[in-house]
N, C-alpha and C. Protein backbone atom coordinates (compact mmCIF):
# COMPACT_ATOMS: atom_id res chain seq x y z
N UNK A 1 38.91 -33.35 -130.45
CA UNK A 1 37.97 -34.43 -130.18
C UNK A 1 37.57 -34.36 -128.71
N UNK A 2 36.28 -34.55 -128.43
CA UNK A 2 35.76 -34.44 -127.07
C UNK A 2 36.13 -35.64 -126.22
N UNK A 3 35.73 -35.60 -124.96
CA UNK A 3 36.05 -36.71 -124.06
C UNK A 3 35.34 -37.99 -124.51
N UNK A 4 36.02 -39.09 -124.38
CA UNK A 4 35.48 -40.38 -124.80
C UNK A 4 34.60 -40.96 -123.68
N UNK A 5 33.48 -41.52 -124.05
CA UNK A 5 32.62 -42.19 -123.09
C UNK A 5 33.19 -43.58 -122.84
N UNK A 6 33.30 -43.95 -121.57
CA UNK A 6 33.85 -45.26 -121.25
C UNK A 6 32.86 -46.34 -121.68
N UNK A 7 33.37 -47.34 -122.35
CA UNK A 7 32.54 -48.43 -122.85
C UNK A 7 32.25 -49.43 -121.74
N UNK A 8 30.98 -49.84 -121.64
CA UNK A 8 30.60 -50.84 -120.65
C UNK A 8 31.14 -52.19 -121.07
N UNK A 9 31.89 -52.83 -120.20
CA UNK A 9 32.45 -54.14 -120.51
C UNK A 9 31.89 -55.23 -119.60
N UNK A 10 31.07 -54.83 -118.63
CA UNK A 10 30.45 -55.80 -117.72
C UNK A 10 28.98 -55.45 -117.58
N UNK A 11 28.18 -56.46 -117.27
CA UNK A 11 26.75 -56.24 -117.04
C UNK A 11 26.55 -55.58 -115.68
N UNK A 12 25.48 -54.80 -115.54
CA UNK A 12 25.18 -54.22 -114.22
C UNK A 12 24.96 -55.31 -113.18
N UNK A 13 25.22 -55.00 -111.92
CA UNK A 13 25.10 -55.99 -110.84
C UNK A 13 23.68 -56.53 -110.71
N UNK A 14 22.66 -55.73 -111.03
CA UNK A 14 21.27 -56.15 -110.88
C UNK A 14 20.79 -57.01 -112.06
N UNK A 15 21.63 -57.22 -113.06
CA UNK A 15 21.23 -57.99 -114.25
C UNK A 15 21.13 -59.47 -113.91
N UNK A 16 20.02 -60.09 -114.34
CA UNK A 16 19.88 -61.54 -114.22
C UNK A 16 19.69 -62.11 -115.62
N UNK A 17 20.42 -63.15 -115.90
CA UNK A 17 20.39 -63.77 -117.22
C UNK A 17 19.05 -64.46 -117.44
N UNK A 18 18.36 -64.21 -118.58
CA UNK A 18 17.10 -64.89 -118.87
C UNK A 18 17.29 -66.41 -118.95
N UNK A 19 16.26 -67.15 -118.62
CA UNK A 19 16.34 -68.62 -118.58
C UNK A 19 16.67 -69.22 -119.93
N UNK A 20 16.27 -68.56 -121.04
CA UNK A 20 16.49 -69.15 -122.37
C UNK A 20 17.90 -68.89 -122.91
N UNK A 21 18.70 -68.07 -122.24
CA UNK A 21 20.08 -67.84 -122.68
C UNK A 21 20.92 -69.05 -122.35
N UNK A 22 21.87 -69.34 -123.22
CA UNK A 22 22.75 -70.48 -123.04
C UNK A 22 24.18 -70.10 -123.42
N UNK A 23 25.11 -70.88 -122.96
CA UNK A 23 26.52 -70.65 -123.32
C UNK A 23 26.96 -71.60 -124.43
N UNK A 24 26.02 -72.40 -124.97
CA UNK A 24 26.35 -73.32 -126.06
C UNK A 24 26.76 -72.53 -127.30
N UNK A 25 27.71 -73.05 -128.07
CA UNK A 25 28.09 -72.34 -129.30
C UNK A 25 26.97 -72.39 -130.33
N UNK A 26 26.98 -71.44 -131.23
CA UNK A 26 25.97 -71.38 -132.29
C UNK A 26 26.15 -72.58 -133.22
N UNK A 27 25.05 -73.14 -133.76
CA UNK A 27 25.19 -74.27 -134.67
C UNK A 27 25.82 -73.83 -135.99
N UNK A 28 26.46 -74.74 -136.69
CA UNK A 28 27.06 -74.36 -137.97
C UNK A 28 25.96 -74.02 -138.98
N UNK A 29 26.23 -73.13 -139.91
CA UNK A 29 25.20 -72.76 -140.90
C UNK A 29 24.86 -73.95 -141.80
N UNK A 30 23.60 -74.00 -142.20
CA UNK A 30 23.12 -75.06 -143.08
C UNK A 30 23.26 -74.58 -144.52
N UNK A 31 23.77 -75.42 -145.39
CA UNK A 31 23.94 -75.05 -146.78
C UNK A 31 22.57 -74.83 -147.42
N UNK A 32 22.42 -73.76 -148.17
CA UNK A 32 21.16 -73.43 -148.83
C UNK A 32 20.87 -74.42 -149.94
N UNK A 33 19.58 -74.71 -150.12
CA UNK A 33 19.16 -75.61 -151.20
C UNK A 33 19.08 -74.80 -152.49
N UNK A 34 19.57 -75.37 -153.56
CA UNK A 34 19.50 -74.70 -154.86
C UNK A 34 18.28 -75.26 -155.59
N UNK A 35 17.16 -74.53 -155.47
CA UNK A 35 15.93 -74.99 -156.09
C UNK A 35 15.67 -74.22 -157.38
N UNK A 36 15.02 -74.86 -158.31
CA UNK A 36 14.66 -74.21 -159.56
C UNK A 36 13.46 -73.29 -159.34
N UNK A 37 13.53 -72.09 -159.88
CA UNK A 37 12.43 -71.14 -159.79
C UNK A 37 11.59 -71.29 -161.04
N UNK A 38 10.31 -71.68 -160.91
CA UNK A 38 9.49 -71.92 -162.10
C UNK A 38 9.24 -70.66 -162.92
N UNK A 39 9.35 -69.48 -162.33
CA UNK A 39 9.08 -68.24 -163.05
C UNK A 39 10.34 -67.56 -163.59
N UNK A 40 11.48 -68.16 -163.43
CA UNK A 40 12.71 -67.53 -163.92
C UNK A 40 13.67 -67.25 -162.78
N UNK A 41 14.26 -66.06 -162.77
CA UNK A 41 15.24 -65.71 -161.74
C UNK A 41 14.55 -65.47 -160.40
N UNK A 42 15.12 -65.98 -159.36
CA UNK A 42 14.55 -65.85 -158.02
C UNK A 42 14.72 -64.42 -157.50
N UNK A 43 13.63 -63.76 -157.10
CA UNK A 43 13.76 -62.38 -156.60
C UNK A 43 14.51 -62.30 -155.29
N UNK A 44 14.48 -63.35 -154.49
CA UNK A 44 15.23 -63.31 -153.25
C UNK A 44 16.72 -63.43 -153.50
N UNK A 45 17.10 -63.98 -154.63
CA UNK A 45 18.51 -64.11 -154.96
C UNK A 45 19.02 -62.88 -155.72
N UNK A 46 18.22 -62.35 -156.61
CA UNK A 46 18.68 -61.26 -157.46
C UNK A 46 18.16 -59.89 -157.04
N UNK A 47 17.23 -59.82 -156.06
CA UNK A 47 16.83 -58.56 -155.48
C UNK A 47 15.75 -57.78 -156.21
N UNK A 48 15.22 -58.28 -157.30
CA UNK A 48 14.17 -57.56 -158.03
C UNK A 48 12.88 -58.38 -158.01
N UNK A 49 11.80 -57.72 -157.72
CA UNK A 49 10.48 -58.34 -157.74
C UNK A 49 9.71 -57.70 -158.87
N UNK A 50 8.98 -58.49 -159.62
CA UNK A 50 8.18 -57.95 -160.71
C UNK A 50 6.72 -57.99 -160.28
N UNK A 51 6.09 -56.86 -160.32
CA UNK A 51 4.69 -56.77 -159.93
C UNK A 51 3.94 -56.01 -161.03
N UNK A 52 3.01 -56.70 -161.69
CA UNK A 52 2.25 -56.11 -162.79
C UNK A 52 3.16 -55.56 -163.88
N UNK A 53 4.25 -56.28 -164.18
CA UNK A 53 5.15 -55.90 -165.25
C UNK A 53 6.17 -54.85 -164.87
N UNK A 54 6.18 -54.41 -163.61
CA UNK A 54 7.14 -53.38 -163.17
C UNK A 54 8.08 -54.00 -162.15
N UNK A 55 9.38 -53.84 -162.37
CA UNK A 55 10.36 -54.33 -161.41
C UNK A 55 10.43 -53.38 -160.24
N UNK A 56 10.26 -53.94 -159.03
CA UNK A 56 10.34 -53.11 -157.83
C UNK A 56 11.41 -53.68 -156.92
N UNK A 57 11.93 -52.87 -156.08
CA UNK A 57 12.96 -53.27 -155.14
C UNK A 57 12.57 -52.71 -153.78
N UNK A 58 12.67 -53.51 -152.75
CA UNK A 58 12.26 -53.06 -151.43
C UNK A 58 13.36 -52.26 -150.79
């Protein structure tokens, strides 16, 4: 195995923190709403989209 590259653990001295950065903790996740899909199974939940009678997957 070749030589290991040292991992950066500190920011460079010239780095300035952007004004929009904050040290506040991330908000807790919001529970998803369980809505009825009028066309059947939700493609965002099951991963298949039907287009012109053909199931496609992105």
